[in-house]
Amino acid sequence: MPLFEYTGLDKLGRKVSGRIDGPGSGLVCQQLRERGIFPTEVHESSLVGVR
C-alpha cells in the first residue's frame, strides 16, 4: 500500500501531522476521521519504500 503524509487538526483543534499506509487518499481521510483527526492535507509520500 502507498504511504501518505497528512496534516490535520485533532479534536482539540491542535495541528497534527504524520504518515499512514492506505490504498488511496479517500480511505486515508476516512481512517484519520475515525481516529479523531480532521485532515486538512493528504498526499502520497515521496518516501516510497522508506520506513
PDB file of N, CA and C in Angstrom:
ATOM      1  N   MET A   1       0.839  -1.186   0.000  1.00  0.00           N
ATOM      2  CA  MET A   1       0.000   0.000   0.000  1.00  0.00           C
ATOM      3  C   MET A   1       0.880   1.243   0.000  1.00  0.00           C
ATOM      4  N   PRO A   2       0.423   2.282  -0.652  1.00  0.00           N
ATOM      5  CA  PRO A   2       1.184   3.534  -0.656  1.00  0.00           C
ATOM      6  C   PRO A   2       1.232   4.169   0.737  1.00  0.00           C
ATOM      7  N   LEU A   3       2.238   4.957   0.944  1.00  0.00           N
ATOM      8  CA  LEU A   3       2.400   5.708   2.182  1.00  0.00           C
ATOM      9  C   LEU A   3       1.938   7.137   1.934  1.00  0.00           C
ATOM     10  N   PHE A   4       1.093   7.654   2.822  1.00  0.00           N
ATOM     11  CA  PHE A   4       0.571   9.011   2.697  1.00  0.00           C
ATOM     12  C   PHE A   4       1.044   9.858   3.863  1.00  0.00           C
ATOM     13  N   GLU A   5       1.328  11.119   3.590  1.00  0.00           N
ATOM     14  CA  GLU A   5       1.634  12.095   4.626  1.00  0.00           C
ATOM     15  C   GLU A   5       0.395  12.953   4.814  1.00  0.00           C
ATOM     16  N   TYR A   6       0.105  13.311   6.063  1.00  0.00           N
ATOM     17  CA  TYR A   6      -1.085  14.115   6.325  1.00  0.00           C
ATOM     18  C   TYR A   6      -0.796  15.221   7.327  1.00  0.00           C
ATOM     19  N   THR A   7      -1.608  16.247   7.253  1.00  0.00           N
ATOM     20  CA  THR A   7      -1.665  17.318   8.228  1.00  0.00           C
ATOM     21  C   THR A   7      -3.137  17.495   8.556  1.00  0.00           C
ATOM     22  N   GLY A   8      -3.435  17.763   9.808  1.00  0.00           N
ATOM     23  CA  GLY A   8      -4.826  17.934  10.185  1.00  0.00           C
ATOM     24  C   GLY A   8      -4.949  18.521  11.577  1.00  0.00           C
ATOM     25  N   LEU A   9      -6.173  18.502  12.077  1.00  0.00           N
ATOM     26  CA  LEU A   9      -6.471  19.019  13.406  1.00  0.00           C
ATOM     27  C   LEU A   9      -7.086  17.910  14.244  1.00  0.00           C
ATOM     28  N   ASP A  10      -6.662  17.841  15.518  1.00  0.00           N
ATOM     29  CA  ASP A  10      -7.265  16.850  16.403  1.00  0.00           C
ATOM     30  C   ASP A  10      -8.552  17.414  17.004  1.00  0.00           C
ATOM     31  N   LYS A  11      -9.171  16.666  17.902  1.00  0.00           N
ATOM     32  CA  LYS A  11     -10.451  17.071  18.491  1.00  0.00           C
ATOM     33  C   LYS A  11     -10.362  18.376  19.274  1.00  0.00           C
ATOM     34  N   LEU A  12      -9.164  18.723  19.739  1.00  0.00           N
ATOM     35  CA  LEU A  12      -8.975  19.960  20.497  1.00  0.00           C
ATOM     36  C   LEU A  12      -8.515  21.114  19.614  1.00  0.00           C
ATOM     37  N   GLY A  13      -8.407  20.869  18.313  1.00  0.00           N
ATOM     38  CA  GLY A  13      -8.009  21.917  17.380  1.00  0.00           C
ATOM     39  C   GLY A  13      -6.506  22.088  17.228  1.00  0.00           C
ATOM     40  N   ARG A  14      -5.742  21.158  17.783  1.00  0.00           N
ATOM     41  CA  ARG A  14      -4.283  21.226  17.664  1.00  0.00           C
ATOM     42  C   ARG A  14      -3.840  20.648  16.330  1.00  0.00           C
ATOM     43  N   LYS A  15      -2.816  21.251  15.746  1.00  0.00           N
ATOM     44  CA  LYS A  15      -2.286  20.770  14.474  1.00  0.00           C
ATOM     45  C   LYS A  15      -1.507  19.480  14.709  1.00  0.00           C
ATOM     46  N   VAL A  16      -1.794  18.479  13.881  1.00  0.00           N
ATOM     47  CA  VAL A  16      -1.091  17.200  13.944  1.00  0.00           C
ATOM     48  C   VAL A  16      -0.648  16.826  12.537  1.00  0.00           C
ATOM     49  N   SER A  17       0.387  16.012  12.456  1.00  0.00           N
ATOM     50  CA  SER A  17       0.846  15.532  11.154  1.00  0.00           C
ATOM     51  C   SER A  17       1.479  14.169  11.346  1.00  0.00           C
ATOM     52  N   GLY A  18       1.590  13.443  10.244  1.00  0.00           N
ATOM     53  CA  GLY A  18       2.186  12.123  10.325  1.00  0.00           C
ATOM     54  C   GLY A  18       2.115  11.400   9.002  1.00  0.00           C
ATOM     55  N   ARG A  19       2.346  10.087   9.072  1.00  0.00           N
ATOM     56  CA  ARG A  19       2.307   9.227   7.884  1.00  0.00           C
ATOM     57  C   ARG A  19       1.415   8.038   8.188  1.00  0.00           C
ATOM     58  N   ILE A  20       0.731   7.557   7.144  1.00  0.00           N
ATOM     59  CA  ILE A  20      -0.177   6.427   7.299  1.00  0.00           C
ATOM     60  C   ILE A  20      -0.244   5.659   5.982  1.00  0.00           C
ATOM     61  N   ASP A  21      -0.295   4.329   6.070  1.00  0.00           N
ATOM     62  CA  ASP A  21      -0.469   3.489   4.882  1.00  0.00           C
ATOM     63  C   ASP A  21      -1.940   3.438   4.519  1.00  0.00           C
ATOM     64  N   GLY A  22      -2.220   3.391   3.230  1.00  0.00           N
ATOM     65  CA  GLY A  22      -3.602   3.255   2.791  1.00  0.00           C
ATOM     66  C   GLY A  22      -3.687   3.034   1.300  1.00  0.00           C
ATOM     67  N   PRO A  23      -4.816   2.476   0.842  1.00  0.00           N
ATOM     68  CA  PRO A  23      -4.977   2.194  -0.581  1.00  0.00           C
ATOM     69  C   PRO A  23      -5.244   3.431  -1.430  1.00  0.00           C
ATOM     70  N   GLY A  24      -5.687   4.520  -0.797  1.00  0.00           N
ATOM     71  CA  GLY A  24      -5.978   5.744  -1.536  1.00  0.00           C
ATOM     72  C   GLY A  24      -6.246   6.881  -0.575  1.00  0.00           C
ATOM     73  N   SER A  25      -6.187   8.110  -1.079  1.00  0.00           N
ATOM     74  CA  SER A  25      -6.328   9.268  -0.201  1.00  0.00           C
ATOM     75  C   SER A  25      -7.714   9.343   0.441  1.00  0.00           C
ATOM     76  N   GLY A  26      -8.749   8.921  -0.270  1.00  0.00           N
ATOM     77  CA  GLY A  26     -10.095   8.955   0.300  1.00  0.00           C
ATOM     78  C   GLY A  26     -10.232   8.062   1.517  1.00  0.00           C
ATOM     79  N   LEU A  27      -9.705   6.850   1.416  1.00  0.00           N
ATOM     80  CA  LEU A  27      -9.776   5.929   2.551  1.00  0.00           C
ATOM     81  C   LEU A  27      -8.855   6.365   3.685  1.00  0.00           C
ATOM     82  N   VAL A  28      -7.734   6.982   3.346  1.00  0.00           N
ATOM     83  CA  VAL A  28      -6.837   7.510   4.375  1.00  0.00           C
ATOM     84  C   VAL A  28      -7.559   8.602   5.165  1.00  0.00           C
ATOM     85  N   CYS A  29      -8.264   9.496   4.473  1.00  0.00           N
ATOM     86  CA  CYS A  29      -9.025  10.553   5.150  1.00  0.00           C
ATOM     87  C   CYS A  29     -10.073   9.947   6.077  1.00  0.00           C
ATOM     88  N   GLN A  30     -10.739   8.910   5.615  1.00  0.00           N
ATOM     89  CA  GLN A  30     -11.753   8.239   6.429  1.00  0.00           C
ATOM     90  C   GLN A  30     -11.120   7.632   7.682  1.00  0.00           C
ATOM     91  N   GLN A  31      -9.971   6.977   7.524  1.00  0.00           N
ATOM     92  CA  GLN A  31      -9.279   6.378   8.672  1.00  0.00           C
ATOM     93  C   GLN A  31      -8.872   7.451   9.676  1.00  0.00           C
ATOM     94  N   LEU A  32      -8.398   8.590   9.181  1.00  0.00           N
ATOM     95  CA  LEU A  32      -7.990   9.665  10.080  1.00  0.00           C
ATOM     96  C   LEU A  32      -9.186  10.208  10.856  1.00  0.00           C
ATOM     97  N   ARG A  33     -10.313  10.419  10.175  1.00  0.00           N
ATOM     98  CA  ARG A  33     -11.514  10.918  10.858  1.00  0.00           C
ATOM     99  C   ARG A  33     -11.975   9.934  11.930  1.00  0.00           C
ATOM    100  N   GLU A  34     -11.856   8.637  11.654  1.00  0.00           N
ATOM    101  CA  GLU A  34     -12.214   7.622  12.652  1.00  0.00           C
ATOM    102  C   GLU A  34     -11.300   7.694  13.870  1.00  0.00           C
ATOM    103  N   ARG A  35     -10.101   8.210  13.693  1.00  0.00           N
ATOM    104  CA  ARG A  35      -9.142   8.371  14.795  1.00  0.00           C
ATOM    105  C   ARG A  35      -9.267   9.740  15.463  1.00  0.00           C
ATOM    106  N   GLY A  36     -10.249  10.531  15.035  1.00  0.00           N
ATOM    107  CA  GLY A  36     -10.460  11.838  15.650  1.00  0.00           C
ATOM    108  C   GLY A  36      -9.600  12.939  15.067  1.00  0.00           C
ATOM    109  N   ILE A  37      -9.096  12.734  13.857  1.00  0.00           N
ATOM    110  CA  ILE A  37      -8.269  13.742  13.189  1.00  0.00           C
ATOM    111  C   ILE A  37      -9.020  14.248  11.968  1.00  0.00           C
ATOM    112  N   PHE A  38      -9.168  15.582  11.866  1.00  0.00           N
ATOM    113  CA  PHE A  38      -9.794  16.190  10.701  1.00  0.00           C
ATOM    114  C   PHE A  38      -8.678  16.550   9.726  1.00  0.00           C
ATOM    115  N   PRO A  39      -8.521  15.797   8.639  1.00  0.00           N
ATOM    116  CA  PRO A  39      -7.413  16.041   7.710  1.00  0.00           C
ATOM    117  C   PRO A  39      -7.601  17.331   6.910  1.00  0.00           C
ATOM    118  N   THR A  40      -6.546  18.137   6.842  1.00  0.00           N
ATOM    119  CA  THR A  40      -6.563  19.348   6.026  1.00  0.00           C
ATOM    120  C   THR A  40      -5.705  19.182   4.779  1.00  0.00           C
ATOM    121  N   GLU A  41      -4.766  18.236   4.824  1.00  0.00           N
ATOM    122  CA  GLU A  41      -3.915  17.955   3.662  1.00  0.00           C
ATOM    123  C   GLU A  41      -3.488  16.493   3.713  1.00  0.00           C
ATOM    124  N   VAL A  42      -3.652  15.801   2.595  1.00  0.00           N
ATOM    125  CA  VAL A  42      -3.226  14.403   2.476  1.00  0.00           C
ATOM    126  C   VAL A  42      -2.611  14.231   1.099  1.00  0.00           C
ATOM    127  N   HIS A  43      -1.389  13.713   1.052  1.00  0.00           N
ATOM    128  CA  HIS A  43      -0.769  13.444  -0.246  1.00  0.00           C
ATOM    129  C   HIS A  43       0.143  12.230  -0.133  1.00  0.00           C
ATOM    130  N   GLU A  44       0.326  11.565  -1.265  1.00  0.00           N
ATOM    131  CA  GLU A  44       1.186  10.392  -1.293  1.00  0.00           C
ATOM    132  C   GLU A  44       2.618  10.821  -1.009  1.00  0.00           C
ATOM    133  N   SER A  45       3.269  10.093  -0.136  1.00  0.00           N
ATOM    134  CA  SER A  45       4.621  10.433   0.285  1.00  0.00           C
ATOM    135  C   SER A  45       5.629  10.179  -0.825  1.00  0.00           C
ATOM    136  N   SER A  46       6.622  11.028  -0.878  1.00  0.00           N
ATOM    137  CA  SER A  46       7.719  10.818  -1.819  1.00  0.00           C
ATOM    138  C   SER A  46       8.741   9.846  -1.239  1.00  0.00           C
ATOM    139  N   LEU A  47       8.503   9.387  -0.020  1.00  0.00           N
ATOM    140  CA  LEU A  47       9.412   8.451   0.648  1.00  0.00           C
ATOM    141  C   LEU A  47       8.979   7.013   0.413  1.00  0.00           C
ATOM    142  N   VAL A  48       8.530   6.689  -0.762  1.00  0.00           N
ATOM    143  CA  VAL A  48       8.054   5.349  -1.082  1.00  0.00           C
ATOM    144  C   VAL A  48       9.158   4.336  -0.822  1.00  0.00           C
ATOM    145  N   GLY A  49       8.832   3.326  -0.024  1.00  0.00           N
ATOM    146  CA  GLY A  49       9.789   2.272   0.270  1.00  0.00           C
ATOM    147  C   GLY A  49      10.701   2.562   1.445  1.00  0.00           C
ATOM    148  N   VAL A  50      10.662   3.757   1.993  1.00  0.00           N
ATOM    149  CA  VAL A  50      11.495   4.117   3.139  1.00  0.00           C
ATOM    150  C   VAL A  50      10.610   4.173   4.366  1.00  0.00           C
ATOM    151  N   ARG A  51      10.947   3.370   5.383  1.00  0.00           N
ATOM    152  CA  ARG A  51      10.143   3.368   6.615  1.00  0.00           C
ATOM    153  C   ARG A  51      11.015   3.243   7.811  1.00  0.00           C
TER     154      ARG A  51
END
